[in-house]
Amino acid sequence: SQLPDWFAAQSATAPLVLDVREPGELRTASLRPDGFELVAIPMNEVPARLAELDPDRPVACLCHHGARSQRVAMFLEHHGFGQVANIAGGID
């Protein structure tokens, strides 16, 4: 419920929503970017693909219920990402 406020508080760069669900989950439920960029990288691929993400850009992590995205958000923070949020409750 606080995501729109978090987006509004970020810098001039459009925030990134990092969807860490598996490809099959993406086919079940999706979202349409509106005021943010959407990138899908399954959780287990994030470490190998970390260079694809900008640590200076605001990133909100999303999964089905919020547990995997919380783990990815913590991983990103540990690797120097300064503006990270978890979308609690996920897409469900």
Protein backbone atom coordinates (compact mmCIF):
# COMPACT_ATOMS: atom_id res chain seq x y z
CA SER A 1 0.00 0.00 0.00
CA GLN A 2 2.99 2.31 0.47
CA LEU A 3 4.55 1.57 -2.93
CA PRO A 4 3.14 4.64 -4.75
CA ASP A 5 4.56 6.89 -2.01
CA TRP A 6 7.93 5.10 -2.21
CA PHE A 7 7.98 5.57 -5.99
CA ALA A 8 7.14 9.27 -5.62
CA ALA A 9 9.95 9.80 -3.09
CA GLN A 10 12.63 8.45 -5.43
CA SER A 11 14.93 10.40 -7.70
CA ALA A 12 14.07 11.60 -11.19
CA THR A 13 14.96 8.16 -12.56
CA ALA A 14 11.95 5.90 -12.91
CA PRO A 15 12.13 3.14 -10.30
CA LEU A 16 12.67 -0.46 -11.31
CA VAL A 17 10.37 -3.27 -10.22
CA LEU A 18 12.41 -6.45 -10.18
CA ASP A 19 10.07 -9.44 -10.58
CA VAL A 20 11.90 -12.49 -9.20
CA ARG A 21 9.21 -15.06 -9.95
CA GLU A 22 9.77 -18.09 -12.18
CA PRO A 23 8.67 -18.00 -15.86
CA GLY A 24 5.59 -20.13 -15.19
CA GLU A 25 4.47 -17.74 -12.47
CA LEU A 26 4.84 -14.81 -14.86
CA ARG A 27 2.34 -16.45 -17.21
CA THR A 28 -0.17 -16.87 -14.37
CA ALA A 29 -0.22 -13.25 -13.22
CA SER A 30 1.44 -10.18 -14.62
CA LEU A 31 1.57 -6.48 -14.11
CA ARG A 32 1.71 -3.54 -16.46
CA PRO A 33 4.43 -0.97 -15.83
CA ASP A 34 3.03 2.45 -14.96
CA GLY A 35 5.61 4.98 -13.80
CA PHE A 36 8.27 2.31 -13.35
CA GLU A 37 10.31 -0.12 -15.43
CA LEU A 38 9.65 -3.84 -15.02
CA VAL A 39 12.44 -6.43 -15.28
CA ALA A 40 11.95 -10.15 -14.67
CA ILE A 41 14.91 -12.14 -13.36
CA PRO A 42 14.13 -15.37 -11.48
CA MET A 43 15.47 -15.29 -7.92
CA ASN A 44 18.09 -17.98 -8.49
CA GLU A 45 19.52 -16.05 -11.47
CA VAL A 46 19.92 -12.70 -9.68
CA PRO A 47 23.48 -13.34 -8.39
CA ALA A 48 24.76 -14.25 -11.87
CA ARG A 49 22.92 -11.33 -13.49
CA LEU A 50 23.65 -8.69 -10.85
CA ALA A 51 25.67 -6.61 -13.34
CA GLU A 52 22.45 -6.04 -15.33
CA LEU A 53 21.08 -3.93 -12.45
CA ASP A 54 22.12 -0.39 -11.52
CA PRO A 55 22.95 -0.09 -7.80
CA ASP A 56 22.16 3.65 -7.93
CA ARG A 57 18.63 3.10 -9.20
CA PRO A 58 15.65 2.56 -6.85
CA VAL A 59 14.61 -1.12 -6.98
CA ALA A 60 11.40 -2.62 -5.60
CA CYS A 61 11.46 -6.44 -5.53
CA LEU A 62 8.35 -8.49 -6.30
CA CYS A 63 7.44 -12.19 -6.11
CA HIS A 64 4.24 -14.15 -5.49
CA HIS A 65 3.83 -13.63 -1.73
CA GLY A 66 6.82 -11.47 -0.73
CA ALA A 67 9.25 -13.94 0.85
CA ARG A 68 11.56 -14.49 -2.12
CA SER A 69 11.53 -10.81 -2.99
CA GLN A 70 12.49 -9.98 0.60
CA ARG A 71 15.51 -12.27 0.29
CA VAL A 72 16.50 -10.63 -3.02
CA ALA A 73 16.04 -7.15 -1.52
CA MET A 74 18.38 -8.08 1.34
CA PHE A 75 20.86 -9.54 -1.17
CA LEU A 76 20.81 -6.32 -3.21
CA GLU A 77 21.33 -4.18 -0.10
CA HIS A 78 24.27 -6.41 0.87
CA HIS A 79 25.76 -5.77 -2.58
CA GLY A 80 25.59 -1.97 -2.34
CA PHE A 81 22.16 -1.12 -3.69
CA GLY A 82 21.11 1.96 -1.74
CA GLN A 83 17.39 2.29 -2.52
CA VAL A 84 15.72 -1.10 -2.19
CA ALA A 85 12.20 -2.03 -1.18
CA ASN A 86 10.26 -5.27 -0.92
CA ILE A 87 6.69 -5.38 -2.19
CA ALA A 88 5.18 -7.11 0.83
CA GLY A 89 2.42 -9.55 0.00
CA GLY A 90 3.75 -9.94 -3.54
CA ILE A 91 1.54 -10.01 -6.60
CA ASP A 92 -0.94 -12.22 -4.75
